[in-house]
Amino acid sequence: VPVEKTYHLCRRRRWVRTRKRNPDLRQQAAHQRMVRAAEEGWEYSRLFTTKFHLKQRTMDMVRRRRWHRKMVADNPDADAIFIIDPSSDTHESKEEKDSS
């Protein structure tokens, strides 16, 4: 049964305002702490039994140090091949002396 509606049939268009957040001193300090912690090398996780990740999330309850280190050459001109001299091995030379 068609009934005459007493309310508006067209929807009102709402204005959308884009808001920008002005960071206050607390937020800036928190951001600096996060940057410093990221430089120090932390990993975050919900529990110790779950996987760790680098970025902190809201549900993270656990934090541990990240011990991933890079090998850096003392001499950058040196070859990347390890040369092992068998004559410098003291264990092997002692065995040879004992067998003689």
C-alpha atoms as a PDB file:
ATOM      1  CA  VAL A   1       0.000   0.000   0.000  1.00  0.00           C
ATOM      2  CA  PRO A   2       1.633   3.272  -1.062  1.00  0.00           C
ATOM      3  CA  VAL A   3       1.826   5.813   1.714  1.00  0.00           C
ATOM      4  CA  GLU A   4       2.922   9.434   1.495  1.00  0.00           C
ATOM      5  CA  LYS A   5       6.169   9.873   3.395  1.00  0.00           C
ATOM      6  CA  THR A   6       6.429  12.793   5.767  1.00  0.00           C
ATOM      7  CA  TYR A   7      10.244  12.982   5.711  1.00  0.00           C
ATOM      8  CA  HIS A   8      12.615  14.131   2.974  1.00  0.00           C
ATOM      9  CA  LEU A   9      13.121  11.792   0.069  1.00  0.00           C
ATOM     10  CA  CYS A  10      16.542  13.110  -0.954  1.00  0.00           C
ATOM     11  CA  ARG A  11      19.617  12.681   1.190  1.00  0.00           C
ATOM     12  CA  ARG A  12      21.464  15.691   2.417  1.00  0.00           C
ATOM     13  CA  ARG A  13      24.989  16.027   1.077  1.00  0.00           C
ATOM     14  CA  ARG A  14      27.510  16.250   3.882  1.00  0.00           C
ATOM     15  CA  TRP A  15      30.597  18.399   3.752  1.00  0.00           C
ATOM     16  CA  VAL A  16      33.880  16.560   4.066  1.00  0.00           C
ATOM     17  CA  ARG A  17      36.649  18.410   5.840  1.00  0.00           C
ATOM     18  CA  THR A  18      40.172  17.117   5.565  1.00  0.00           C
ATOM     19  CA  ARG A  19      41.812  17.457   8.919  1.00  0.00           C
ATOM     20  CA  LYS A  20      45.503  17.760   9.575  1.00  0.00           C
ATOM     21  CA  ARG A  21      47.059  16.924  12.856  1.00  0.00           C
ATOM     22  CA  ASN A  22      49.480  19.348  14.407  1.00  0.00           C
ATOM     23  CA  PRO A  23      52.013  17.254  16.309  1.00  0.00           C
ATOM     24  CA  ASP A  24      52.512  18.459  19.849  1.00  0.00           C
ATOM     25  CA  LEU A  25      55.624  17.987  21.963  1.00  0.00           C
ATOM     26  CA  ARG A  26      54.509  14.618  23.348  1.00  0.00           C
ATOM     27  CA  GLN A  27      53.963  13.153  19.900  1.00  0.00           C
ATOM     28  CA  GLN A  28      57.291  14.511  18.642  1.00  0.00           C
ATOM     29  CA  ALA A  29      59.099  13.046  21.664  1.00  0.00           C
ATOM     30  CA  ALA A  30      57.367   9.683  21.158  1.00  0.00           C
ATOM     31  CA  HIS A  31      58.311   9.699  17.478  1.00  0.00           C
ATOM     32  CA  GLN A  32      61.949  10.472  18.314  1.00  0.00           C
ATOM     33  CA  ARG A  33      61.969   7.622  20.840  1.00  0.00           C
ATOM     34  CA  MET A  34      60.641   5.239  18.187  1.00  0.00           C
ATOM     35  CA  VAL A  35      63.288   6.358  15.701  1.00  0.00           C
ATOM     36  CA  ARG A  36      66.038   5.930  18.299  1.00  0.00           C
ATOM     37  CA  ALA A  37      64.734   2.475  19.234  1.00  0.00           C
ATOM     38  CA  ALA A  38      64.636   1.472  15.557  1.00  0.00           C
ATOM     39  CA  GLU A  39      68.248   2.562  15.152  1.00  0.00           C
ATOM     40  CA  GLU A  40      69.253   0.541  18.205  1.00  0.00           C
ATOM     41  CA  GLY A  41      67.757  -2.575  16.664  1.00  0.00           C
ATOM     42  CA  TRP A  42      64.641  -3.902  18.417  1.00  0.00           C
ATOM     43  CA  GLU A  43      62.193  -6.582  17.341  1.00  0.00           C
ATOM     44  CA  TYR A  44      58.580  -6.670  18.548  1.00  0.00           C
ATOM     45  CA  SER A  45      56.040  -9.439  19.013  1.00  0.00           C
ATOM     46  CA  ARG A  46      52.787 -10.239  20.812  1.00  0.00           C
ATOM     47  CA  LEU A  47      54.338 -13.122  22.758  1.00  0.00           C
ATOM     48  CA  PHE A  48      57.768 -14.663  23.004  1.00  0.00           C
ATOM     49  CA  THR A  49      56.477 -17.781  21.255  1.00  0.00           C
ATOM     50  CA  THR A  50      55.257 -15.915  18.132  1.00  0.00           C
ATOM     51  CA  LYS A  51      57.312 -14.464  15.275  1.00  0.00           C
ATOM     52  CA  PHE A  52      59.095 -11.155  15.766  1.00  0.00           C
ATOM     53  CA  HIS A  53      58.855  -8.190  13.386  1.00  0.00           C
ATOM     54  CA  LEU A  54      60.688  -4.862  13.071  1.00  0.00           C
ATOM     55  CA  LYS A  55      57.847  -2.322  13.268  1.00  0.00           C
ATOM     56  CA  GLN A  56      55.999  -1.881  16.531  1.00  0.00           C
ATOM     57  CA  ARG A  57      52.257  -2.549  16.389  1.00  0.00           C
ATOM     58  CA  THR A  58      49.491  -1.761  18.858  1.00  0.00           C
ATOM     59  CA  MET A  59      49.089  -5.325  20.158  1.00  0.00           C
ATOM     60  CA  ASP A  60      52.813  -5.916  20.763  1.00  0.00           C
ATOM     61  CA  MET A  61      53.668  -6.810  24.340  1.00  0.00           C
ATOM     62  CA  VAL A  62      57.238  -8.101  23.944  1.00  0.00           C
ATOM     63  CA  ARG A  63      60.454  -6.479  22.751  1.00  0.00           C
ATOM     64  CA  ARG A  64      63.906  -8.013  22.235  1.00  0.00           C
ATOM     65  CA  ARG A  65      67.253  -6.893  20.858  1.00  0.00           C
ATOM     66  CA  ARG A  66      67.985  -7.596  17.232  1.00  0.00           C
ATOM     67  CA  TRP A  67      71.391  -9.180  16.743  1.00  0.00           C
ATOM     68  CA  HIS A  68      71.757  -9.153  12.974  1.00  0.00           C
ATOM     69  CA  ARG A  69      75.227  -7.931  12.144  1.00  0.00           C
ATOM     70  CA  LYS A  70      77.043  -7.433   8.879  1.00  0.00           C
ATOM     71  CA  MET A  71      80.530  -8.652   8.131  1.00  0.00           C
ATOM     72  CA  VAL A  72      82.798  -5.766   7.147  1.00  0.00           C
ATOM     73  CA  ALA A  73      86.187  -6.286   5.553  1.00  0.00           C
ATOM     74  CA  ASP A  74      89.225  -4.726   7.215  1.00  0.00           C
ATOM     75  CA  ASN A  75      90.817  -4.175   3.827  1.00  0.00           C
ATOM     76  CA  PRO A  76      88.291  -3.346   1.092  1.00  0.00           C
ATOM     77  CA  ASP A  77      90.865  -4.155  -1.636  1.00  0.00           C
ATOM     78  CA  ALA A  78      91.315  -7.734  -0.408  1.00  0.00           C
ATOM     79  CA  ASP A  79      89.706 -10.698  -2.156  1.00  0.00           C
ATOM     80  CA  ALA A  80      86.507 -12.148  -0.745  1.00  0.00           C
ATOM     81  CA  ILE A  81      87.996 -15.655  -0.703  1.00  0.00           C
ATOM     82  CA  PHE A  82      89.283 -17.234   2.493  1.00  0.00           C
ATOM     83  CA  ILE A  83      92.712 -18.768   1.962  1.00  0.00           C
ATOM     84  CA  ILE A  84      93.539 -21.482   4.478  1.00  0.00           C
ATOM     85  CA  ASP A  85      97.193 -22.448   4.712  1.00  0.00           C
ATOM     86  CA  PRO A  86      97.509 -26.072   5.886  1.00  0.00           C
ATOM     87  CA  SER A  87     101.014 -25.484   7.287  1.00  0.00           C
ATOM     88  CA  SER A  88      99.618 -23.020   9.827  1.00  0.00           C
ATOM     89  CA  ASP A  89      97.262 -25.618  11.310  1.00  0.00           C
ATOM     90  CA  THR A  90      98.905 -26.612  14.607  1.00  0.00           C
ATOM     91  CA  HIS A  91      96.616 -29.579  15.302  1.00  0.00           C
ATOM     92  CA  GLU A  92      97.531 -31.303  12.053  1.00  0.00           C
ATOM     93  CA  SER A  93     101.261 -30.714  12.488  1.00  0.00           C
ATOM     94  CA  LYS A  94     101.193 -32.251  15.999  1.00  0.00           C
ATOM     95  CA  GLU A  95      99.559 -35.403  14.647  1.00  0.00           C
ATOM     96  CA  GLU A  96     102.236 -35.716  11.968  1.00  0.00           C
ATOM     97  CA  LYS A  97     104.971 -35.408  14.603  1.00  0.00           C
ATOM     98  CA  ASP A  98     103.338 -38.057  16.792  1.00  0.00           C
ATOM     99  CA  SER A  99     103.038 -40.545  13.911  1.00  0.00           C
ATOM    100  CA  SER A 100     106.725 -40.174  12.969  1.00  0.00           C
END
